[in-house]
Amino acid sequence: MATIAIIISIALSAVLGALLWDRKAENDKLSEVVKRQQEANMELLKRVPVKNEGGAAEGPQPLTVEKIADAVRMEGFFPEVEDTGVRFKAQGESFYVDAERLPLVFILKGYNVDPADWEMDMLRNAAHRMSDALIMVKATISDDEKTLNFFVAAQDRNYESFRANLSSYMRIIEDGQRKMNEEYNRLVDEKREAALRANPVIPSVQPENKVMS
């Protein structure tokens, strides 16, 4: 009987040991799964915006020259970064974002002007009239009368705001350019008609409308 009891005791110990070993292996496996899940959660947390005590996402990114370049790139254009601004081309025409006085920025579109091709007094007058008529866009002619710039002055305090508004600024400049062209051609027509009234013998030739492009 004693021998049988010993055999039974040894068998029970072996079974219990096997069960405990299986449980340990299962716990080790579960611990490894939990560890991998925790690592995955940490990676996900890195992508979540940091929130303040009120639960709101952290504030927008400040506007810098580099962020202006990012906004230009997001619009599908290739930015050329300078110390205090960014140049880029859109539909073959040149734009420049002057960021020297951030958060105030100037979005400019410039043209070379040949005085031989334009009535400069009328061009200057048309630029002034357009600037007075429209609120955001203005036009200036350089002192040497070789450059005409259309520009919008804006105060975007962060990258998100500038990125959202950039395409609108470009459209506003286009509107100003179109308005100035109309004003210039109207002034030219008025001058021609006045000359015809003063001297009817002058041949009536309809001049081609000028477009700043």
C-alpha atoms as a PDB file:
ATOM      1  CA  MET A   1       0.000   0.000   0.000  1.00  0.00           C
ATOM      2  CA  ALA A   2       2.797   2.384   0.898  1.00  0.00           C
ATOM      3  CA  THR A   3       4.360   1.835  -2.501  1.00  0.00           C
ATOM      4  CA  ILE A   4       1.061   2.605  -4.278  1.00  0.00           C
ATOM      5  CA  ALA A   5       0.617   5.777  -2.218  1.00  0.00           C
ATOM      6  CA  ILE A   6       4.110   6.934  -3.139  1.00  0.00           C
ATOM      7  CA  ILE A   7       3.474   6.257  -6.838  1.00  0.00           C
ATOM      8  CA  ILE A   8       0.170   8.176  -6.707  1.00  0.00           C
ATOM      9  CA  SER A   9       1.870  11.088  -4.908  1.00  0.00           C
ATOM     10  CA  ILE A  10       4.628  11.243  -7.519  1.00  0.00           C
ATOM     11  CA  ALA A  11       2.073  11.137 -10.359  1.00  0.00           C
ATOM     12  CA  LEU A  12       0.015  13.917  -8.792  1.00  0.00           C
ATOM     13  CA  SER A  13       3.140  16.038  -8.323  1.00  0.00           C
ATOM     14  CA  ALA A  14       4.061  15.538 -11.972  1.00  0.00           C
ATOM     15  CA  VAL A  15       0.593  16.484 -13.180  1.00  0.00           C
ATOM     16  CA  LEU A  16       0.505  19.539 -10.919  1.00  0.00           C
ATOM     17  CA  GLY A  17       3.965  20.545 -12.079  1.00  0.00           C
ATOM     18  CA  ALA A  18       2.906  20.224 -15.700  1.00  0.00           C
ATOM     19  CA  LEU A  19      -0.205  22.311 -15.060  1.00  0.00           C
ATOM     20  CA  LEU A  20       1.845  24.991 -13.309  1.00  0.00           C
ATOM     21  CA  TRP A  21       4.374  25.018 -16.160  1.00  0.00           C
ATOM     22  CA  ASP A  22       1.607  25.396 -18.729  1.00  0.00           C
ATOM     23  CA  ARG A  23       0.096  28.241 -16.712  1.00  0.00           C
ATOM     24  CA  LYS A  24       3.504  29.973 -16.508  1.00  0.00           C
ATOM     25  CA  ALA A  25       3.996  29.634 -20.271  1.00  0.00           C
ATOM     26  CA  GLU A  26       0.508  31.009 -20.860  1.00  0.00           C
ATOM     27  CA  ASN A  27       1.193  33.956 -18.520  1.00  0.00           C
ATOM     28  CA  ASP A  28       4.482  34.664 -20.273  1.00  0.00           C
ATOM     29  CA  LYS A  29       2.700  34.630 -23.625  1.00  0.00           C
ATOM     30  CA  LEU A  30      -0.028  36.926 -22.301  1.00  0.00           C
ATOM     31  CA  SER A  31       2.591  39.308 -20.886  1.00  0.00           C
ATOM     32  CA  GLU A  32       4.284  39.482 -24.284  1.00  0.00           C
ATOM     33  CA  VAL A  33       0.959  40.273 -25.986  1.00  0.00           C
ATOM     34  CA  VAL A  34       0.233  43.021 -23.446  1.00  0.00           C
ATOM     35  CA  LYS A  35       3.718  44.473 -23.935  1.00  0.00           C
ATOM     36  CA  ARG A  36       3.275  44.621 -27.719  1.00  0.00           C
ATOM     37  CA  GLN A  37      -0.136  46.261 -27.323  1.00  0.00           C
ATOM     38  CA  GLN A  38       1.312  48.878 -24.965  1.00  0.00           C
ATOM     39  CA  GLU A  39       4.040  49.677 -27.504  1.00  0.00           C
ATOM     40  CA  ALA A  40       1.442  50.005 -30.264  1.00  0.00           C
ATOM     41  CA  ASN A  41      -0.622  52.324 -28.052  1.00  0.00           C
ATOM     42  CA  MET A  42       2.397  54.531 -27.429  1.00  0.00           C
ATOM     43  CA  GLU A  43       2.941  54.884 -31.197  1.00  0.00           C
ATOM     44  CA  LEU A  44      -0.692  55.875 -31.660  1.00  0.00           C
ATOM     45  CA  LEU A  45      -0.465  58.425 -28.858  1.00  0.00           C
ATOM     46  CA  LYS A  46       2.422  60.126 -30.649  1.00  0.00           C
ATOM     47  CA  ARG A  47       0.055  60.912 -33.540  1.00  0.00           C
ATOM     48  CA  VAL A  48      -2.681  62.376 -31.377  1.00  0.00           C
ATOM     49  CA  PRO A  49      -2.563  66.214 -30.970  1.00  0.00           C
ATOM     50  CA  VAL A  50      -1.482  67.301 -27.520  1.00  0.00           C
ATOM     51  CA  LYS A  51      -4.405  68.675 -25.529  1.00  0.00           C
ATOM     52  CA  ASN A  52      -4.454  71.278 -22.830  1.00  0.00           C
ATOM     53  CA  GLU A  53      -6.188  71.053 -19.462  1.00  0.00           C
ATOM     54  CA  GLY A  54      -9.533  72.006 -20.956  1.00  0.00           C
ATOM     55  CA  GLY A  55      -9.370  69.081 -23.374  1.00  0.00           C
ATOM     56  CA  ALA A  56      -8.850  71.243 -26.462  1.00  0.00           C
ATOM     57  CA  ALA A  57      -6.091  70.480 -28.984  1.00  0.00           C
ATOM     58  CA  GLU A  58      -2.876  72.471 -28.650  1.00  0.00           C
ATOM     59  CA  GLY A  59      -2.854  75.829 -30.456  1.00  0.00           C
ATOM     60  CA  PRO A  60      -2.065  76.313 -34.164  1.00  0.00           C
ATOM     61  CA  GLN A  61       1.496  76.360 -35.461  1.00  0.00           C
ATOM     62  CA  PRO A  62       3.159  79.794 -35.636  1.00  0.00           C
ATOM     63  CA  LEU A  63       3.722  81.286 -39.078  1.00  0.00           C
ATOM     64  CA  THR A  64       7.349  81.235 -40.239  1.00  0.00           C
ATOM     65  CA  VAL A  65       9.094  81.458 -43.602  1.00  0.00           C
ATOM     66  CA  GLU A  66       9.385  77.668 -43.609  1.00  0.00           C
ATOM     67  CA  LYS A  67       5.664  77.274 -42.895  1.00  0.00           C
ATOM     68  CA  ILE A  68       4.843  79.738 -45.677  1.00  0.00           C
ATOM     69  CA  ALA A  69       6.853  77.490 -48.010  1.00  0.00           C
ATOM     70  CA  ASP A  70       4.869  74.482 -46.744  1.00  0.00           C
ATOM     71  CA  ALA A  71       1.599  76.287 -47.507  1.00  0.00           C
ATOM     72  CA  VAL A  72       2.797  77.160 -51.026  1.00  0.00           C
ATOM     73  CA  ARG A  73       3.797  73.522 -51.535  1.00  0.00           C
ATOM     74  CA  MET A  74       0.381  72.323 -50.348  1.00  0.00           C
ATOM     75  CA  GLU A  75      -1.218  74.515 -53.051  1.00  0.00           C
ATOM     76  CA  GLY A  76       0.756  72.587 -55.666  1.00  0.00           C
ATOM     77  CA  PHE A  77       3.500  75.146 -56.356  1.00  0.00           C
ATOM     78  CA  PHE A  78       7.270  74.907 -55.934  1.00  0.00           C
ATOM     79  CA  PRO A  79       8.551  77.371 -53.293  1.00  0.00           C
ATOM     80  CA  GLU A  80      11.946  79.052 -53.419  1.00  0.00           C
ATOM     81  CA  VAL A  81      12.805  79.987 -49.848  1.00  0.00           C
ATOM     82  CA  GLU A  82      14.747  83.163 -49.079  1.00  0.00           C
ATOM     83  CA  ASP A  83      15.764  84.691 -45.754  1.00  0.00           C
ATOM     84  CA  THR A  84      12.652  86.829 -45.399  1.00  0.00           C
ATOM     85  CA  GLY A  85      10.245  85.467 -47.986  1.00  0.00           C
ATOM     86  CA  VAL A  86       9.175  82.820 -50.450  1.00  0.00           C
ATOM     87  CA  ARG A  87       8.999  83.021 -54.245  1.00  0.00           C
ATOM     88  CA  PHE A  88       6.891  80.758 -56.435  1.00  0.00           C
ATOM     89  CA  LYS A  89       5.273  80.622 -59.861  1.00  0.00           C
ATOM     90  CA  ALA A  90       1.607  79.961 -60.620  1.00  0.00           C
ATOM     91  CA  GLN A  91       0.442  79.527 -64.215  1.00  0.00           C
ATOM     92  CA  GLY A  92       3.758  80.956 -65.357  1.00  0.00           C
ATOM     93  CA  GLU A  93       3.458  84.173 -63.321  1.00  0.00           C
ATOM     94  CA  SER A  94       5.687  85.113 -60.411  1.00  0.00           C
ATOM     95  CA  PHE A  95       4.514  85.638 -56.842  1.00  0.00           C
ATOM     96  CA  TYR A  96       6.451  86.617 -53.746  1.00  0.00           C
ATOM     97  CA  VAL A  97       5.430  86.369 -50.087  1.00  0.00           C
ATOM     98  CA  ASP A  98       7.283  88.992 -48.075  1.00  0.00           C
ATOM     99  CA  ALA A  99       7.559  87.733 -44.486  1.00  0.00           C
ATOM    100  CA  GLU A 100      10.004  90.300 -43.130  1.00  0.00           C
ATOM    101  CA  ARG A 101       7.393  91.761 -40.753  1.00  0.00           C
ATOM    102  CA  LEU A 102       5.614  88.637 -39.488  1.00  0.00           C
ATOM    103  CA  PRO A 103       2.812  88.153 -38.592  1.00  0.00           C
ATOM    104  CA  LEU A 104       2.153  90.822 -41.260  1.00  0.00           C
ATOM    105  CA  VAL A 105       2.748  89.334 -44.714  1.00  0.00           C
ATOM    106  CA  PHE A 106       2.623  90.846 -48.186  1.00  0.00           C
ATOM    107  CA  ILE A 107       1.654  88.667 -51.129  1.00  0.00           C
ATOM    108  CA  LEU A 108       2.980  90.338 -54.291  1.00  0.00           C
ATOM    109  CA  LYS A 109       2.700  89.779 -58.024  1.00  0.00           C
ATOM    110  CA  GLY A 110       5.052  91.923 -60.079  1.00  0.00           C
ATOM    111  CA  TYR A 111       5.504  92.919 -63.708  1.00  0.00           C
ATOM    112  CA  ASN A 112       8.221  94.678 -65.643  1.00  0.00           C
ATOM    113  CA  VAL A 113       6.848  97.755 -67.397  1.00  0.00           C
ATOM    114  CA  ASP A 114       8.193  99.245 -70.614  1.00  0.00           C
ATOM    115  CA  PRO A 115       7.198 102.940 -70.783  1.00  0.00           C
ATOM    116  CA  ALA A 116       7.300 102.671 -74.571  1.00  0.00           C
ATOM    117  CA  ASP A 117       4.340 100.280 -74.457  1.00  0.00           C
ATOM    118  CA  TRP A 118       2.166 102.100 -71.941  1.00  0.00           C
ATOM    119  CA  GLU A 119       0.725 105.545 -71.324  1.00  0.00           C
ATOM    120  CA  MET A 120       2.467 105.859 -67.969  1.00  0.00           C
ATOM    121  CA  ASP A 121       0.303 108.687 -66.587  1.00  0.00           C
ATOM    122  CA  MET A 122      -2.797 106.657 -67.364  1.00  0.00           C
ATOM    123  CA  LEU A 123      -1.275 103.457 -65.999  1.00  0.00           C
ATOM    124  CA  ARG A 124      -0.465 105.223 -62.743  1.00  0.00           C
ATOM    125  CA  ASN A 125      -3.964 106.707 -62.654  1.00  0.00           C
ATOM    126  CA  ALA A 126      -5.527 103.296 -63.301  1.00  0.00           C
ATOM    127  CA  ALA A 127      -3.442 101.755 -60.509  1.00  0.00           C
ATOM    128  CA  HIS A 128      -4.610 104.467 -58.091  1.00  0.00           C
ATOM    129  CA  ARG A 129      -8.257 104.078 -59.088  1.00  0.00           C
ATOM    130  CA  MET A 130      -8.132 100.313 -58.685  1.00  0.00           C
ATOM    131  CA  SER A 131      -6.475 100.680 -55.279  1.00  0.00           C
ATOM    132  CA  ASP A 132      -9.183 103.105 -54.168  1.00  0.00           C
ATOM    133  CA  ALA A 133     -12.008 100.950 -55.489  1.00  0.00           C
ATOM    134  CA  LEU A 134     -10.926  97.641 -53.981  1.00  0.00           C
ATOM    135  CA  ILE A 135     -10.289  97.100 -50.285  1.00  0.00           C
ATOM    136  CA  MET A 136      -7.605  94.435 -49.997  1.00  0.00           C
ATOM    137  CA  VAL A 137      -5.541  94.623 -53.182  1.00  0.00           C
ATOM    138  CA  LYS A 138      -3.344  97.575 -54.116  1.00  0.00           C
ATOM    139  CA  ALA A 139      -0.999  98.430 -56.983  1.00  0.00           C
ATOM    140  CA  THR A 140       2.161 100.521 -56.989  1.00  0.00           C
ATOM    141  CA  ILE A 141       4.541 101.662 -59.715  1.00  0.00           C
ATOM    142  CA  SER A 142       8.223 102.044 -58.895  1.00  0.00           C
ATOM    143  CA  ASP A 143       9.838 105.481 -59.041  1.00  0.00           C
ATOM    144  CA  ASP A 144      11.783 104.515 -62.160  1.00  0.00           C
ATOM    145  CA  GLU A 145       8.500 103.381 -63.782  1.00  0.00           C
ATOM    146  CA  LYS A 146       9.940  99.992 -64.637  1.00  0.00           C
ATOM    147  CA  THR A 147       8.001  97.794 -62.218  1.00  0.00           C
ATOM    148  CA  LEU A 148       4.329  97.424 -61.341  1.00  0.00           C
ATOM    149  CA  ASN A 149       3.413  95.420 -58.247  1.00  0.00           C
ATOM    150  CA  PHE A 150       0.010  94.176 -57.164  1.00  0.00           C
ATOM    151  CA  PHE A 151      -0.106  93.172 -53.521  1.00  0.00           C
ATOM    152  CA  VAL A 152      -2.304  92.066 -50.655  1.00  0.00           C
ATOM    153  CA  ALA A 153      -1.367  92.852 -47.059  1.00  0.00           C
ATOM    154  CA  ALA A 154      -2.580  90.231 -44.587  1.00  0.00           C
ATOM    155  CA  GLN A 155      -2.072  89.371 -40.948  1.00  0.00           C
ATOM    156  CA  ASP A 156      -2.138  85.610 -40.531  1.00  0.00           C
ATOM    157  CA  ARG A 157      -0.919  84.751 -37.053  1.00  0.00           C
ATOM    158  CA  ASN A 158      -0.507  81.035 -37.726  1.00  0.00           C
ATOM    159  CA  TYR A 159       0.291  78.538 -40.462  1.00  0.00           C
ATOM    160  CA  GLU A 160      -3.224  77.097 -40.619  1.00  0.00           C
ATOM    161  CA  SER A 161      -4.762  80.505 -41.279  1.00  0.00           C
ATOM    162  CA  PHE A 162      -2.253  81.418 -43.998  1.00  0.00           C
ATOM    163  CA  ARG A 163      -2.607  78.067 -45.709  1.00  0.00           C
ATOM    164  CA  ALA A 164      -6.411  78.393 -45.755  1.00  0.00           C
ATOM    165  CA  ASN A 165      -6.230  81.947 -47.157  1.00  0.00           C
ATOM    166  CA  LEU A 166      -3.382  81.751 -49.681  1.00  0.00           C
ATOM    167  CA  SER A 167      -5.497  80.809 -52.701  1.00  0.00           C
ATOM    168  CA  SER A 168      -7.967  83.590 -51.803  1.00  0.00           C
ATOM    169  CA  TYR A 169      -5.133  86.141 -51.681  1.00  0.00           C
ATOM    170  CA  MET A 170      -4.037  85.068 -55.146  1.00  0.00           C
ATOM    171  CA  ARG A 171      -7.584  85.420 -56.497  1.00  0.00           C
ATOM    172  CA  ILE A 172      -7.886  88.882 -54.939  1.00  0.00           C
ATOM    173  CA  ILE A 173      -4.700  89.949 -56.737  1.00  0.00           C
ATOM    174  CA  GLU A 174      -6.117  88.608 -60.012  1.00  0.00           C
ATOM    175  CA  ASP A 175      -9.285  90.639 -59.428  1.00  0.00           C
ATOM    176  CA  GLY A 176      -7.202  93.772 -58.850  1.00  0.00           C
ATOM    177  CA  GLN A 177      -5.183  93.148 -61.980  1.00  0.00           C
ATOM    178  CA  ARG A 178      -8.339  92.713 -64.058  1.00  0.00           C
ATOM    179  CA  LYS A 179      -9.866  95.879 -62.583  1.00  0.00           C
ATOM    180  CA  MET A 180      -6.729  97.917 -63.300  1.00  0.00           C
ATOM    181  CA  ASN A 181      -6.629  96.693 -66.908  1.00  0.00           C
ATOM    182  CA  GLU A 182     -10.242  97.783 -67.344  1.00  0.00           C
ATOM    183  CA  GLU A 183      -9.521 101.201 -65.840  1.00  0.00           C
ATOM    184  CA  TYR A 184      -6.460 101.719 -68.028  1.00  0.00           C
ATOM    185  CA  ASN A 185      -8.267 100.838 -71.249  1.00  0.00           C
ATOM    186  CA  ARG A 186     -11.214 103.030 -70.284  1.00  0.00           C
ATOM    187  CA  LEU A 187      -8.883 106.004 -69.729  1.00  0.00           C
ATOM    188  CA  VAL A 188      -7.203 105.377 -73.082  1.00  0.00           C
ATOM    189  CA  ASP A 189     -10.594 105.253 -74.810  1.00  0.00           C
ATOM    190  CA  GLU A 190     -11.667 108.511 -73.145  1.00  0.00           C
ATOM    191  CA  LYS A 191      -8.455 110.234 -74.269  1.00  0.00           C
ATOM    192  CA  ARG A 192      -8.908 108.990 -77.850  1.00  0.00           C
ATOM    193  CA  GLU A 193     -12.563 110.088 -77.966  1.00  0.00           C
ATOM    194  CA  ALA A 194     -11.675 113.520 -76.578  1.00  0.00           C
ATOM    195  CA  ALA A 195      -9.000 113.887 -79.267  1.00  0.00           C
ATOM    196  CA  LEU A 196     -11.512 112.951 -81.963  1.00  0.00           C
ATOM    197  CA  ARG A 197     -13.989 115.528 -80.720  1.00  0.00           C
ATOM    198  CA  ALA A 198     -11.298 118.207 -80.713  1.00  0.00           C
ATOM    199  CA  ASN A 199     -10.002 117.240 -84.149  1.00  0.00           C
ATOM    200  CA  PRO A 200     -12.476 115.164 -86.160  1.00  0.00           C
ATOM    201  CA  VAL A 201     -10.012 114.749 -89.025  1.00  0.00           C
ATOM    202  CA  ILE A 202      -7.915 112.383 -86.921  1.00  0.00           C
ATOM    203  CA  PRO A 203      -8.479 108.854 -88.278  1.00  0.00           C
ATOM    204  CA  SER A 204     -10.727 106.858 -85.977  1.00  0.00           C
ATOM    205  CA  VAL A 205      -8.714 103.731 -85.231  1.00  0.00           C
ATOM    206  CA  GLN A 206      -9.851 101.498 -82.415  1.00  0.00           C
ATOM    207  CA  PRO A 207      -6.728 100.685 -80.358  1.00  0.00           C
ATOM    208  CA  GLU A 208      -6.209  97.191 -79.014  1.00  0.00           C
ATOM    209  CA  ASN A 209      -6.976  96.873 -75.314  1.00  0.00           C
ATOM    210  CA  LYS A 210      -3.875  96.550 -73.180  1.00  0.00           C
ATOM    211  CA  VAL A 211      -3.576  93.763 -70.608  1.00  0.00           C
ATOM    212  CA  MET A 212      -0.933  93.567 -67.921  1.00  0.00           C
ATOM    213  CA  SER A 213       0.422  90.052 -68.301  1.00  0.00           C
END
